[in-house]
Amino acid sequence: QVQLVESGGGSVQAGGSLRLSCAASARIFATMGWFRQAPGKEREFVAAISWSGKNTNYADSVKGRFTISRDNAKNVVYLQMNSLKPEDTAVYYCAGRSGLNLASREYEYNSWGQGTQVTVSS
């Protein structure tokens, strides 16, 4: 089973940037996604990317601020987060699925990382 490991989380002030990475132990899935879970809230979709990288899908709350990308040769997926807001504070998870559509629901993903904490202070 492919293992996913996130990194790059940390603490930043509002308006700052972070880049998250998700490294896979083997060839990464056709579709990769990022989700997040804030304290006391359900896990929510953030972004997804197709195998080629040409197709992406974003939650409305992050459009224009976050960018998902991938490097298939390195088996890594990235999430560039700019103009961070306190409401972006959450544990961020990467996930993979074998299907080709840019799914936004948790149950559609087969494999999950352990998460990395992102804290944005005002």
Protein backbone atom coordinates (compact mmCIF):
# COMPACT_ATOMS: atom_id res chain seq x y z
CA GLN A 1 0.00 0.00 0.00
CA VAL A 2 1.30 3.44 -0.90
CA GLN A 3 2.16 5.54 2.13
CA LEU A 4 1.69 9.30 2.07
CA VAL A 5 3.70 11.61 4.32
CA GLU A 6 2.96 15.32 4.62
CA SER A 7 5.47 17.98 5.60
CA GLY A 8 5.88 21.73 5.54
CA GLY A 9 3.34 22.73 8.12
CA GLY A 10 4.06 25.35 10.75
CA SER A 11 3.00 28.64 12.27
CA VAL A 12 2.74 31.85 10.27
CA GLN A 13 1.12 35.23 10.61
CA ALA A 14 -1.91 36.21 8.57
CA GLY A 15 -0.90 37.15 5.06
CA GLY A 16 2.03 34.78 5.07
CA SER A 17 2.74 31.72 2.95
CA LEU A 18 3.54 28.06 3.41
CA ARG A 19 4.18 25.21 1.01
CA LEU A 20 3.05 21.76 2.02
CA SER A 21 4.52 18.63 0.49
CA CYS A 22 3.14 15.12 0.30
CA ALA A 23 5.66 12.41 -0.48
CA ALA A 24 4.52 8.98 -1.59
CA SER A 25 6.39 5.74 -0.94
CA ALA A 26 5.66 4.58 -4.48
CA ARG A 27 4.05 5.81 -7.67
CA ILE A 28 1.39 8.27 -6.60
CA PHE A 29 -2.26 7.96 -7.45
CA ALA A 30 -3.98 9.19 -10.57
CA THR A 31 -5.78 11.87 -8.59
CA MET A 32 -4.32 13.55 -5.53
CA GLY A 33 -6.09 15.81 -3.12
CA TRP A 34 -5.64 17.94 -0.05
CA PHE A 35 -8.14 18.13 2.79
CA ARG A 36 -8.08 19.94 6.12
CA GLN A 37 -9.69 19.64 9.51
CA ALA A 38 -10.00 22.53 11.93
CA PRO A 39 -10.59 21.96 15.65
CA GLY A 40 -14.18 20.98 16.31
CA LYS A 41 -15.03 20.78 12.62
CA GLU A 42 -15.38 18.07 10.03
CA ARG A 43 -12.64 17.41 7.53
CA GLU A 44 -13.18 19.42 4.38
CA PHE A 45 -11.94 19.38 0.81
CA VAL A 46 -9.26 21.88 -0.19
CA ALA A 47 -7.93 20.97 -3.63
CA ALA A 48 -7.42 18.12 -6.09
CA ILE A 49 -5.21 17.58 -9.12
CA SER A 50 -5.25 15.19 -12.06
CA TRP A 51 -2.40 12.93 -13.09
CA SER A 52 -1.18 15.31 -15.79
CA GLY A 53 -1.48 18.30 -13.51
CA LYS A 54 -3.48 20.14 -16.14
CA ASN A 55 -6.78 19.82 -14.29
CA THR A 56 -7.37 21.12 -10.79
CA ASN A 57 -10.30 21.66 -8.46
CA TYR A 58 -10.41 24.01 -5.48
CA ALA A 59 -12.75 24.78 -2.63
CA ASP A 60 -14.22 28.24 -2.97
CA SER A 61 -12.61 29.29 0.30
CA VAL A 62 -9.08 28.85 -1.10
CA LYS A 63 -9.48 29.78 -4.77
CA GLY A 64 -6.96 32.37 -5.84
CA ARG A 65 -4.82 31.81 -2.74
CA PHE A 66 -3.82 28.13 -2.85
CA THR A 67 -2.20 26.22 -5.70
CA ILE A 68 -1.93 22.45 -5.96
CA SER A 69 0.78 20.91 -8.11
CA ARG A 70 2.57 17.60 -8.52
CA ASP A 71 5.86 16.12 -9.63
CA ASN A 72 5.20 12.56 -10.74
CA ALA A 73 8.89 11.83 -11.27
CA LYS A 74 9.49 12.54 -7.57
CA ASN A 75 6.16 11.11 -6.35
CA VAL A 76 5.37 14.39 -4.61
CA VAL A 77 2.32 16.63 -4.46
CA TYR A 78 2.48 20.22 -3.25
CA LEU A 79 0.07 22.76 -1.85
CA GLN A 80 1.29 26.34 -2.09
CA MET A 81 -0.68 28.48 0.33
CA ASN A 82 -0.52 32.26 0.03
CA SER A 83 -2.37 35.09 1.76
CA LEU A 84 -3.09 32.80 4.68
CA LYS A 85 -5.92 33.66 7.05
CA PRO A 86 -6.57 32.56 10.64
CA GLU A 87 -9.48 30.49 9.36
CA ASP A 88 -6.99 28.39 7.38
CA THR A 89 -5.71 26.99 10.67
CA ALA A 90 -6.16 23.22 10.54
CA VAL A 91 -4.47 19.88 10.15
CA TYR A 92 -3.87 19.36 6.45
CA TYR A 93 -4.04 15.90 4.93
CA CYS A 94 -3.08 14.65 1.50
CA ALA A 95 -5.03 11.83 -0.06
CA GLY A 96 -4.90 9.71 -3.20
CA ARG A 97 -7.42 7.95 -5.33
CA SER A 98 -7.23 5.67 -8.34
CA GLY A 99 -10.17 7.27 -10.09
CA LEU A 100 -9.74 10.04 -12.62
CA ASN A 101 -12.33 12.61 -11.59
CA LEU A 102 -11.26 15.42 -9.27
CA ALA A 103 -13.25 14.15 -6.31
CA SER A 104 -14.02 16.36 -3.34
CA ARG A 105 -15.51 13.79 -0.96
CA GLU A 106 -13.45 11.92 1.61
CA TYR A 107 -14.91 8.51 0.85
CA GLU A 108 -13.71 8.73 -2.74
CA TYR A 109 -10.06 8.64 -1.65
CA ASN A 110 -8.23 5.36 -0.99
CA SER A 111 -5.15 6.44 0.87
CA TRP A 112 -4.41 9.15 3.44
CA GLY A 113 -1.42 10.72 5.12
CA GLN A 114 -1.15 11.45 8.84
CA GLY A 115 -1.52 15.20 8.46
CA THR A 116 0.54 18.29 9.14
CA GLN A 117 -0.51 21.20 11.35
CA VAL A 118 -0.89 24.69 9.92
CA THR A 119 -1.49 27.55 12.35
CA VAL A 120 -2.18 31.09 11.17
CA SER A 121 -2.17 33.86 13.75
CA SER A 122 -3.82 37.25 13.35
